[in-house]
Amino acid sequence: MEKVASAAELSRRTVDQFVADVLAVELERWDNAFPLPAPPEDLQRALDASPDAAAFFATVSRSKRHAIIGRIEEAKRPDTRARRIERTVAMLLRGDTRDP
């Protein structure tokens, strides 16, 4: 009976490893095909000035990152863009990802 249990455990581990390997390959392919968007220069400067906000921004999901960057890039006037960057940094410092 012990051999059967060992074989079942080996089989389960083999399947688990196979799934993990396939998932790793697919995730790498996805990341290469759709890289994370880089923040615009002015946002990057603001993040560089606020390491805590930058650290939280690094953990934000891909979709949230797109939303944050898109909101900043859609500003038509420089003062609106600057205000959105300021609000975004404050939002990230609070550990929040909702629209500022």
C-alpha atoms as a PDB file:
ATOM      1  CA  MET A   1       0.000   0.000   0.000  1.00  0.00           C
ATOM      2  CA  GLU A   2       2.906   2.295   0.722  1.00  0.00           C
ATOM      3  CA  LYS A   3       4.150   1.960  -2.890  1.00  0.00           C
ATOM      4  CA  VAL A   4       0.735   3.027  -4.196  1.00  0.00           C
ATOM      5  CA  ALA A   5       0.733   6.072  -1.947  1.00  0.00           C
ATOM      6  CA  SER A   6       4.271   6.946  -3.056  1.00  0.00           C
ATOM      7  CA  ALA A   7       3.342   6.542  -6.714  1.00  0.00           C
ATOM      8  CA  ALA A   8       0.251   8.722  -6.262  1.00  0.00           C
ATOM      9  CA  GLU A   9       2.287  11.374  -4.475  1.00  0.00           C
ATOM     10  CA  LEU A  10       4.954  11.264  -7.203  1.00  0.00           C
ATOM     11  CA  SER A  11       2.262  11.557  -9.867  1.00  0.00           C
ATOM     12  CA  ARG A  12       0.666  14.521  -8.096  1.00  0.00           C
ATOM     13  CA  ARG A  13       4.021  16.253  -7.747  1.00  0.00           C
ATOM     14  CA  THR A  14       4.828  15.581 -11.409  1.00  0.00           C
ATOM     15  CA  VAL A  15       1.526  17.084 -12.542  1.00  0.00           C
ATOM     16  CA  ASP A  16       1.966  20.051 -10.208  1.00  0.00           C
ATOM     17  CA  GLN A  17       5.469  20.663 -11.562  1.00  0.00           C
ATOM     18  CA  PHE A  18       4.254  20.372 -15.162  1.00  0.00           C
ATOM     19  CA  VAL A  19       1.496  22.925 -14.515  1.00  0.00           C
ATOM     20  CA  ALA A  20       3.944  25.261 -12.785  1.00  0.00           C
ATOM     21  CA  ASP A  21       6.389  24.994 -15.703  1.00  0.00           C
ATOM     22  CA  VAL A  22       3.709  25.656 -18.331  1.00  0.00           C
ATOM     23  CA  LEU A  23       2.345  28.582 -16.340  1.00  0.00           C
ATOM     24  CA  ALA A  24       5.818  30.098 -15.963  1.00  0.00           C
ATOM     25  CA  VAL A  25       6.416  29.880 -19.724  1.00  0.00           C
ATOM     26  CA  GLU A  26       3.027  31.415 -20.530  1.00  0.00           C
ATOM     27  CA  LEU A  27       3.487  34.247 -18.016  1.00  0.00           C
ATOM     28  CA  GLU A  28       6.915  35.036 -19.438  1.00  0.00           C
ATOM     29  CA  ARG A  29       5.480  35.056 -22.956  1.00  0.00           C
ATOM     30  CA  TRP A  30       2.691  37.392 -21.821  1.00  0.00           C
ATOM     31  CA  ASP A  31       5.127  39.745 -20.070  1.00  0.00           C
ATOM     32  CA  ASN A  32       7.313  39.881 -23.183  1.00  0.00           C
ATOM     33  CA  ALA A  33       4.361  40.527 -25.493  1.00  0.00           C
ATOM     34  CA  PHE A  34       2.743  43.122 -23.225  1.00  0.00           C
ATOM     35  CA  PRO A  35       5.391  44.847 -21.116  1.00  0.00           C
ATOM     36  CA  LEU A  36       4.384  47.090 -18.258  1.00  0.00           C
ATOM     37  CA  PRO A  37       3.974  50.657 -19.448  1.00  0.00           C
ATOM     38  CA  ALA A  38       6.732  52.960 -18.305  1.00  0.00           C
ATOM     39  CA  PRO A  39       5.584  56.040 -16.447  1.00  0.00           C
ATOM     40  CA  PRO A  40       5.974  59.319 -18.335  1.00  0.00           C
ATOM     41  CA  GLU A  41       9.062  61.344 -17.447  1.00  0.00           C
ATOM     42  CA  ASP A  42       7.267  63.847 -15.231  1.00  0.00           C
ATOM     43  CA  LEU A  43       5.548  61.109 -13.232  1.00  0.00           C
ATOM     44  CA  GLN A  44       8.844  59.229 -12.962  1.00  0.00           C
ATOM     45  CA  ARG A  45      10.533  62.350 -11.555  1.00  0.00           C
ATOM     46  CA  ALA A  46       7.754  62.671  -8.972  1.00  0.00           C
ATOM     47  CA  LEU A  47       8.121  58.994  -8.072  1.00  0.00           C
ATOM     48  CA  ASP A  48      11.902  59.382  -7.800  1.00  0.00           C
ATOM     49  CA  ALA A  49      11.306  62.219  -5.337  1.00  0.00           C
ATOM     50  CA  SER A  50       8.999  60.002  -3.269  1.00  0.00           C
ATOM     51  CA  PRO A  51      10.526  56.545  -2.757  1.00  0.00           C
ATOM     52  CA  ASP A  52       7.532  55.275  -0.756  1.00  0.00           C
ATOM     53  CA  ALA A  53       5.137  56.160  -3.578  1.00  0.00           C
ATOM     54  CA  ALA A  54       7.508  54.581  -6.099  1.00  0.00           C
ATOM     55  CA  ALA A  55       7.720  51.398  -4.039  1.00  0.00           C
ATOM     56  CA  PHE A  56       3.940  51.101  -3.921  1.00  0.00           C
ATOM     57  CA  PHE A  57       3.633  51.940  -7.632  1.00  0.00           C
ATOM     58  CA  ALA A  58       5.955  49.019  -8.379  1.00  0.00           C
ATOM     59  CA  THR A  59       3.425  46.650  -6.767  1.00  0.00           C
ATOM     60  CA  VAL A  60       0.373  47.998  -8.610  1.00  0.00           C
ATOM     61  CA  SER A  61      -1.316  45.620 -11.045  1.00  0.00           C
ATOM     62  CA  ARG A  62      -0.894  46.004 -14.777  1.00  0.00           C
ATOM     63  CA  SER A  63      -4.461  47.284 -15.278  1.00  0.00           C
ATOM     64  CA  LYS A  64      -4.168  49.834 -12.452  1.00  0.00           C
ATOM     65  CA  ARG A  65      -0.827  51.008 -13.810  1.00  0.00           C
ATOM     66  CA  HIS A  66      -2.407  51.570 -17.237  1.00  0.00           C
ATOM     67  CA  ALA A  67      -5.279  53.483 -15.617  1.00  0.00           C
ATOM     68  CA  ILE A  68      -2.956  55.689 -13.550  1.00  0.00           C
ATOM     69  CA  ILE A  69      -0.690  56.521 -16.483  1.00  0.00           C
ATOM     70  CA  GLY A  70      -3.635  57.006 -18.842  1.00  0.00           C
ATOM     71  CA  ARG A  71      -5.308  59.471 -16.499  1.00  0.00           C
ATOM     72  CA  ILE A  72      -2.143  61.558 -16.407  1.00  0.00           C
ATOM     73  CA  GLU A  73      -1.497  61.364 -20.143  1.00  0.00           C
ATOM     74  CA  GLU A  74      -5.030  62.402 -21.101  1.00  0.00           C
ATOM     75  CA  ALA A  75      -4.647  65.797 -19.399  1.00  0.00           C
ATOM     76  CA  LYS A  76      -4.746  68.554 -21.987  1.00  0.00           C
ATOM     77  CA  ARG A  77      -3.223  71.399 -19.990  1.00  0.00           C
ATOM     78  CA  PRO A  78       0.145  71.326 -18.222  1.00  0.00           C
ATOM     79  CA  ASP A  79      -1.334  72.561 -14.942  1.00  0.00           C
ATOM     80  CA  THR A  80      -3.963  69.781 -15.036  1.00  0.00           C
ATOM     81  CA  ARG A  81      -1.245  67.216 -15.696  1.00  0.00           C
ATOM     82  CA  ALA A  82       0.881  68.548 -12.826  1.00  0.00           C
ATOM     83  CA  ARG A  83      -2.121  68.465 -10.488  1.00  0.00           C
ATOM     84  CA  ARG A  84      -2.920  64.868 -11.503  1.00  0.00           C
ATOM     85  CA  ILE A  85       0.661  63.809 -10.877  1.00  0.00           C
ATOM     86  CA  GLU A  86       0.587  65.459  -7.461  1.00  0.00           C
ATOM     87  CA  ARG A  87      -2.683  63.710  -6.595  1.00  0.00           C
ATOM     88  CA  THR A  88      -1.388  60.412  -7.936  1.00  0.00           C
ATOM     89  CA  VAL A  89       1.719  60.539  -5.739  1.00  0.00           C
ATOM     90  CA  ALA A  90      -0.449  61.381  -2.706  1.00  0.00           C
ATOM     91  CA  MET A  91      -2.767  58.494  -3.602  1.00  0.00           C
ATOM     92  CA  LEU A  92       0.153  56.074  -3.880  1.00  0.00           C
ATOM     93  CA  LEU A  93       1.543  57.268  -0.548  1.00  0.00           C
ATOM     94  CA  ARG A  94      -1.799  56.339   1.035  1.00  0.00           C
ATOM     95  CA  GLY A  95      -1.517  52.886  -0.540  1.00  0.00           C
ATOM     96  CA  ASP A  96      -4.553  53.571  -2.685  1.00  0.00           C
ATOM     97  CA  THR A  97      -5.087  52.915  -6.407  1.00  0.00           C
ATOM     98  CA  ARG A  98      -8.483  54.448  -7.010  1.00  0.00           C
ATOM     99  CA  ASP A  99      -8.764  57.526  -9.178  1.00  0.00           C
ATOM    100  CA  PRO A 100      -7.489  60.513  -7.219  1.00  0.00           C
END
